[in-house]
């Protein structure tokens, strides 16, 4: 392994769970999330080799992940809708996911469904701050927006989630 590879692995190893969890919340299936994780680390490594090394790795790599997810979302929106059989197969695959516990899955799925209904800016802010543990400053850096914008998107997103989920919101987020 080269020095660049070693440095990259040491710097980004702690961000692997963050990137996977963020990807999982931004995509519709586990496979899409895994693809997004792989593409995120590949893009990050290429940037690393070009000597674009961040001071803070987690917001930097989250930004890469968010940008890739946005690009995929836009590309998917331009394509014709998928065949219902493929959707059924994805649902079956998700249902067979051994990580899921029945009770947790119901709450988690309900929360993720509600989050997916939010506008993209609110969805990203909620995902980074409430679900991934970013500070509002880190989220602002990752999203490329001022902190005040992140705070307003969080406020609006939380209000929308409260309308969608009622009293269950606190139970599901915490």
C-alpha atoms as a PDB file:
ATOM      1  CA  UNK A   1       0.000   0.000   0.000  1.00  0.00           C
ATOM      2  CA  UNK A   2       1.233   3.481  -0.763  1.00  0.00           C
ATOM      3  CA  UNK A   3       1.535   6.278   1.773  1.00  0.00           C
ATOM      4  CA  UNK A   4      -1.463   8.019   0.180  1.00  0.00           C
ATOM      5  CA  UNK A   5      -3.588   4.908   0.608  1.00  0.00           C
ATOM      6  CA  UNK A   6      -2.495   4.473   4.221  1.00  0.00           C
ATOM      7  CA  UNK A   7      -3.192   8.112   5.034  1.00  0.00           C
ATOM      8  CA  UNK A   8      -6.584   7.961   3.342  1.00  0.00           C
ATOM      9  CA  UNK A   9      -7.599   4.803   5.201  1.00  0.00           C
ATOM     10  CA  UNK A  10      -6.507   6.210   8.553  1.00  0.00           C
ATOM     11  CA  UNK A  11      -8.294   9.501   7.942  1.00  0.00           C
ATOM     12  CA  UNK A  12     -11.568   8.059   6.645  1.00  0.00           C
ATOM     13  CA  UNK A  13     -11.932   4.795   8.561  1.00  0.00           C
ATOM     14  CA  UNK A  14     -14.007   6.475  11.263  1.00  0.00           C
ATOM     15  CA  UNK A  15     -16.406   7.896   8.681  1.00  0.00           C
ATOM     16  CA  UNK A  16     -17.461   4.543   7.191  1.00  0.00           C
ATOM     17  CA  UNK A  17     -20.500   4.090   9.455  1.00  0.00           C
ATOM     18  CA  UNK A  18     -21.515   7.699   8.949  1.00  0.00           C
ATOM     19  CA  UNK A  19     -21.380   7.351   5.161  1.00  0.00           C
ATOM     20  CA  UNK A  20     -23.313   4.077   5.194  1.00  0.00           C
ATOM     21  CA  UNK A  21     -26.016   5.414   7.525  1.00  0.00           C
ATOM     22  CA  UNK A  22     -26.325   8.612   5.525  1.00  0.00           C
ATOM     23  CA  UNK A  23     -26.493   6.626   2.273  1.00  0.00           C
ATOM     24  CA  UNK A  24     -29.116   4.304   3.719  1.00  0.00           C
ATOM     25  CA  UNK A  25     -31.299   7.253   4.636  1.00  0.00           C
ATOM     26  CA  UNK A  26     -30.870   8.958   1.283  1.00  0.00           C
ATOM     27  CA  UNK A  27     -31.642   5.916  -0.881  1.00  0.00           C
ATOM     28  CA  UNK A  28     -34.537   3.527  -1.279  1.00  0.00           C
ATOM     29  CA  UNK A  29     -32.691   0.229  -0.945  1.00  0.00           C
ATOM     30  CA  UNK A  30     -29.741  -1.332   0.777  1.00  0.00           C
ATOM     31  CA  UNK A  31     -28.116  -2.068  -2.593  1.00  0.00           C
ATOM     32  CA  UNK A  32     -28.397   1.574  -3.661  1.00  0.00           C
ATOM     33  CA  UNK A  33     -26.902   2.609  -0.320  1.00  0.00           C
ATOM     34  CA  UNK A  34     -23.971   0.221  -0.726  1.00  0.00           C
ATOM     35  CA  UNK A  35     -23.350   1.528  -4.248  1.00  0.00           C
ATOM     36  CA  UNK A  36     -23.461   5.096  -2.973  1.00  0.00           C
ATOM     37  CA  UNK A  37     -20.974   4.268  -0.191  1.00  0.00           C
ATOM     38  CA  UNK A  38     -18.578   2.713  -2.677  1.00  0.00           C
ATOM     39  CA  UNK A  39     -18.847   5.654  -5.065  1.00  0.00           C
ATOM     40  CA  UNK A  40     -18.421   8.116  -2.195  1.00  0.00           C
ATOM     41  CA  UNK A  41     -15.171   6.563  -1.010  1.00  0.00           C
ATOM     42  CA  UNK A  42     -13.904   6.232  -4.569  1.00  0.00           C
ATOM     43  CA  UNK A  43     -14.578   9.916  -5.262  1.00  0.00           C
ATOM     44  CA  UNK A  44     -13.039  10.867  -1.901  1.00  0.00           C
ATOM     45  CA  UNK A  45      -9.919   8.820  -2.630  1.00  0.00           C
ATOM     46  CA  UNK A  46      -9.513  10.452  -6.040  1.00  0.00           C
ATOM     47  CA  UNK A  47      -9.753  13.868  -4.397  1.00  0.00           C
ATOM     48  CA  UNK A  48      -7.248  12.712  -1.767  1.00  0.00           C
ATOM     49  CA  UNK A  49      -4.797  11.729  -4.486  1.00  0.00           C
ATOM     50  CA  UNK A  50      -5.222  15.196  -6.005  1.00  0.00           C
ATOM     51  CA  UNK A  51      -4.108  16.571  -2.619  1.00  0.00           C
ATOM     52  CA  UNK A  52      -7.511  17.988  -1.745  1.00  0.00           C
ATOM     53  CA  UNK A  53      -7.386  16.913   1.870  1.00  0.00           C
ATOM     54  CA  UNK A  54      -9.897  18.327   4.312  1.00  0.00           C
ATOM     55  CA  UNK A  55      -9.332  19.632   7.804  1.00  0.00           C
ATOM     56  CA  UNK A  56     -12.447  17.769   8.975  1.00  0.00           C
ATOM     57  CA  UNK A  57     -13.038  14.449   7.244  1.00  0.00           C
ATOM     58  CA  UNK A  58     -16.655  13.735   8.243  1.00  0.00           C
ATOM     59  CA  UNK A  59     -18.276  16.891   6.814  1.00  0.00           C
ATOM     60  CA  UNK A  60     -16.083  16.585   3.705  1.00  0.00           C
ATOM     61  CA  UNK A  61     -17.030  12.989   2.997  1.00  0.00           C
ATOM     62  CA  UNK A  62     -20.696  13.669   3.857  1.00  0.00           C
ATOM     63  CA  UNK A  63     -20.658  16.460   1.263  1.00  0.00           C
ATOM     64  CA  UNK A  64     -19.351  14.039  -1.345  1.00  0.00           C
ATOM     65  CA  UNK A  65     -22.043  11.519  -0.413  1.00  0.00           C
ATOM     66  CA  UNK A  66     -24.806  14.159  -0.549  1.00  0.00           C
ATOM     67  CA  UNK A  67     -23.661  15.453  -3.923  1.00  0.00           C
ATOM     68  CA  UNK A  68     -23.557  11.950  -5.394  1.00  0.00           C
ATOM     69  CA  UNK A  69     -27.008  11.161  -3.959  1.00  0.00           C
ATOM     70  CA  UNK A  70     -28.419  14.358  -5.465  1.00  0.00           C
ATOM     71  CA  UNK A  71     -26.925  13.516  -8.855  1.00  0.00           C
ATOM     72  CA  UNK A  72     -28.427  10.037  -8.749  1.00  0.00           C
ATOM     73  CA  UNK A  73     -31.795  11.376  -7.660  1.00  0.00           C
ATOM     74  CA  UNK A  74     -31.863  13.836 -10.554  1.00  0.00           C
ATOM     75  CA  UNK A  75     -30.785  11.164 -13.035  1.00  0.00           C
ATOM     76  CA  UNK A  76     -33.440   8.764 -11.745  1.00  0.00           C
ATOM     77  CA  UNK A  77     -36.128  11.454 -12.010  1.00  0.00           C
ATOM     78  CA  UNK A  78     -35.329  11.816 -15.720  1.00  0.00           C
ATOM     79  CA  UNK A  79     -35.634   8.062 -16.387  1.00  0.00           C
ATOM     80  CA  UNK A  80     -38.965   6.320 -16.916  1.00  0.00           C
ATOM     81  CA  UNK A  81     -40.434   4.681 -13.837  1.00  0.00           C
ATOM     82  CA  UNK A  82     -39.163   1.253 -12.882  1.00  0.00           C
ATOM     83  CA  UNK A  83     -40.962  -2.009 -13.444  1.00  0.00           C
ATOM     84  CA  UNK A  84     -43.216  -2.925 -10.474  1.00  0.00           C
ATOM     85  CA  UNK A  85     -41.589  -6.382 -10.283  1.00  0.00           C
ATOM     86  CA  UNK A  86     -38.242  -4.752  -9.511  1.00  0.00           C
ATOM     87  CA  UNK A  87     -39.827  -2.730  -6.708  1.00  0.00           C
ATOM     88  CA  UNK A  88     -41.379  -5.885  -5.282  1.00  0.00           C
ATOM     89  CA  UNK A  89     -38.008  -7.654  -5.370  1.00  0.00           C
ATOM     90  CA  UNK A  90     -36.363  -4.755  -3.524  1.00  0.00           C
ATOM     91  CA  UNK A  91     -39.096  -4.803  -0.878  1.00  0.00           C
ATOM     92  CA  UNK A  92     -38.619  -8.543  -0.418  1.00  0.00           C
ATOM     93  CA  UNK A  93     -34.872  -8.099  -0.086  1.00  0.00           C
ATOM     94  CA  UNK A  94     -35.352  -5.376   2.520  1.00  0.00           C
ATOM     95  CA  UNK A  95     -37.827  -7.521   4.434  1.00  0.00           C
ATOM     96  CA  UNK A  96     -35.267 -10.332   4.571  1.00  0.00           C
ATOM     97  CA  UNK A  97     -32.585  -8.002   5.975  1.00  0.00           C
ATOM     98  CA  UNK A  98     -31.286  -9.805   9.092  1.00  0.00           C
ATOM     99  CA  UNK A  99     -30.411  -6.497  10.790  1.00  0.00           C
ATOM    100  CA  UNK A 100     -34.054  -5.604  11.131  1.00  0.00           C
ATOM    101  CA  UNK A 101     -35.927  -6.431  14.273  1.00  0.00           C
ATOM    102  CA  UNK A 102     -39.676  -6.389  13.724  1.00  0.00           C
ATOM    103  CA  UNK A 103     -40.603  -3.711  16.259  1.00  0.00           C
ATOM    104  CA  UNK A 104     -37.651  -1.452  15.441  1.00  0.00           C
ATOM    105  CA  UNK A 105     -38.209  -1.882  11.721  1.00  0.00           C
ATOM    106  CA  UNK A 106     -41.785  -0.646  11.923  1.00  0.00           C
ATOM    107  CA  UNK A 107     -40.759   2.562  13.686  1.00  0.00           C
ATOM    108  CA  UNK A 108     -37.666   3.044  11.564  1.00  0.00           C
ATOM    109  CA  UNK A 109     -39.545   2.416   8.323  1.00  0.00           C
ATOM    110  CA  UNK A 110     -42.312   4.791   9.373  1.00  0.00           C
ATOM    111  CA  UNK A 111     -39.757   7.493  10.168  1.00  0.00           C
ATOM    112  CA  UNK A 112     -37.808   6.980   6.931  1.00  0.00           C
ATOM    113  CA  UNK A 113     -41.010   7.054   4.879  1.00  0.00           C
ATOM    114  CA  UNK A 114     -41.982  10.335   6.502  1.00  0.00           C
ATOM    115  CA  UNK A 115     -38.489  11.766   5.981  1.00  0.00           C
ATOM    116  CA  UNK A 116     -38.619  10.815   2.288  1.00  0.00           C
ATOM    117  CA  UNK A 117     -41.766  12.926   1.945  1.00  0.00           C
ATOM    118  CA  UNK A 118     -39.888  16.059   3.027  1.00  0.00           C
ATOM    119  CA  UNK A 119     -38.360  18.443   0.495  1.00  0.00           C
ATOM    120  CA  UNK A 120     -34.733  17.518  -0.224  1.00  0.00           C
ATOM    121  CA  UNK A 121     -33.189  20.388   1.766  1.00  0.00           C
ATOM    122  CA  UNK A 122     -35.179  19.531   4.891  1.00  0.00           C
ATOM    123  CA  UNK A 123     -34.564  15.800   4.452  1.00  0.00           C
ATOM    124  CA  UNK A 124     -30.803  16.319   4.256  1.00  0.00           C
ATOM    125  CA  UNK A 125     -30.725  18.650   7.286  1.00  0.00           C
ATOM    126  CA  UNK A 126     -32.772  16.210   9.407  1.00  0.00           C
ATOM    127  CA  UNK A 127     -30.634  13.268   8.274  1.00  0.00           C
ATOM    128  CA  UNK A 128     -27.343  14.970   9.073  1.00  0.00           C
ATOM    129  CA  UNK A 129     -28.248  16.614  12.387  1.00  0.00           C
ATOM    130  CA  UNK A 130     -30.941  14.448  13.972  1.00  0.00           C
ATOM    131  CA  UNK A 131     -30.034  11.037  12.607  1.00  0.00           C
ATOM    132  CA  UNK A 132     -26.276  11.210  11.948  1.00  0.00           C
ATOM    133  CA  UNK A 133     -25.284  13.373  14.907  1.00  0.00           C
ATOM    134  CA  UNK A 134     -23.706  16.266  13.000  1.00  0.00           C
ATOM    135  CA  UNK A 135     -23.598  19.652  14.700  1.00  0.00           C
ATOM    136  CA  UNK A 136     -25.442  22.380  12.841  1.00  0.00           C
ATOM    137  CA  UNK A 137     -22.043  23.868  11.956  1.00  0.00           C
ATOM    138  CA  UNK A 138     -20.846  20.567  10.443  1.00  0.00           C
ATOM    139  CA  UNK A 139     -24.138  20.140   8.586  1.00  0.00           C
ATOM    140  CA  UNK A 140     -23.811  23.662   7.193  1.00  0.00           C
ATOM    141  CA  UNK A 141     -20.312  22.858   5.975  1.00  0.00           C
ATOM    142  CA  UNK A 142     -21.434  19.567   4.415  1.00  0.00           C
ATOM    143  CA  UNK A 143     -24.454  21.167   2.752  1.00  0.00           C
ATOM    144  CA  UNK A 144     -22.550  24.232   1.603  1.00  0.00           C
ATOM    145  CA  UNK A 145     -25.050  26.607   3.218  1.00  0.00           C
ATOM    146  CA  UNK A 146     -24.983  29.069   6.131  1.00  0.00           C
ATOM    147  CA  UNK A 147     -25.771  27.690   9.586  1.00  0.00           C
ATOM    148  CA  UNK A 148     -28.925  29.826   9.778  1.00  0.00           C
ATOM    149  CA  UNK A 149     -30.237  28.129   6.653  1.00  0.00           C
ATOM    150  CA  UNK A 150     -29.613  24.720   8.215  1.00  0.00           C
ATOM    151  CA  UNK A 151     -31.449  25.825  11.371  1.00  0.00           C
ATOM    152  CA  UNK A 152     -34.488  26.998   9.408  1.00  0.00           C
ATOM    153  CA  UNK A 153     -34.538  23.795   7.324  1.00  0.00           C
ATOM    154  CA  UNK A 154     -34.343  21.760  10.532  1.00  0.00           C
ATOM    155  CA  UNK A 155     -37.194  23.743  12.060  1.00  0.00           C
ATOM    156  CA  UNK A 156     -39.413  23.361   8.999  1.00  0.00           C
ATOM    157  CA  UNK A 157     -38.488  19.701   8.577  1.00  0.00           C
ATOM    158  CA  UNK A 158     -39.192  18.875  12.218  1.00  0.00           C
ATOM    159  CA  UNK A 159     -42.525  20.685  12.013  1.00  0.00           C
ATOM    160  CA  UNK A 160     -43.445  18.711   8.891  1.00  0.00           C
ATOM    161  CA  UNK A 161     -42.408  15.444  10.553  1.00  0.00           C
ATOM    162  CA  UNK A 162     -44.510  16.322  13.596  1.00  0.00           C
ATOM    163  CA  UNK A 163     -47.514  16.776  11.309  1.00  0.00           C
ATOM    164  CA  UNK A 164     -46.808  13.495   9.514  1.00  0.00           C
ATOM    165  CA  UNK A 165     -46.009  11.392  12.576  1.00  0.00           C
ATOM    166  CA  UNK A 166     -47.883  13.127  15.382  1.00  0.00           C
ATOM    167  CA  UNK A 167     -46.768  12.185  18.898  1.00  0.00           C
ATOM    168  CA  UNK A 168     -44.520   9.380  17.643  1.00  0.00           C
ATOM    169  CA  UNK A 169     -41.813  11.744  16.370  1.00  0.00           C
ATOM    170  CA  UNK A 170     -39.830  11.959  19.639  1.00  0.00           C
ATOM    171  CA  UNK A 171     -40.017   8.204  20.139  1.00  0.00           C
ATOM    172  CA  UNK A 172     -38.765   7.497  16.610  1.00  0.00           C
ATOM    173  CA  UNK A 173     -35.900  10.011  16.437  1.00  0.00           C
ATOM    174  CA  UNK A 174     -34.357   9.345  19.829  1.00  0.00           C
END
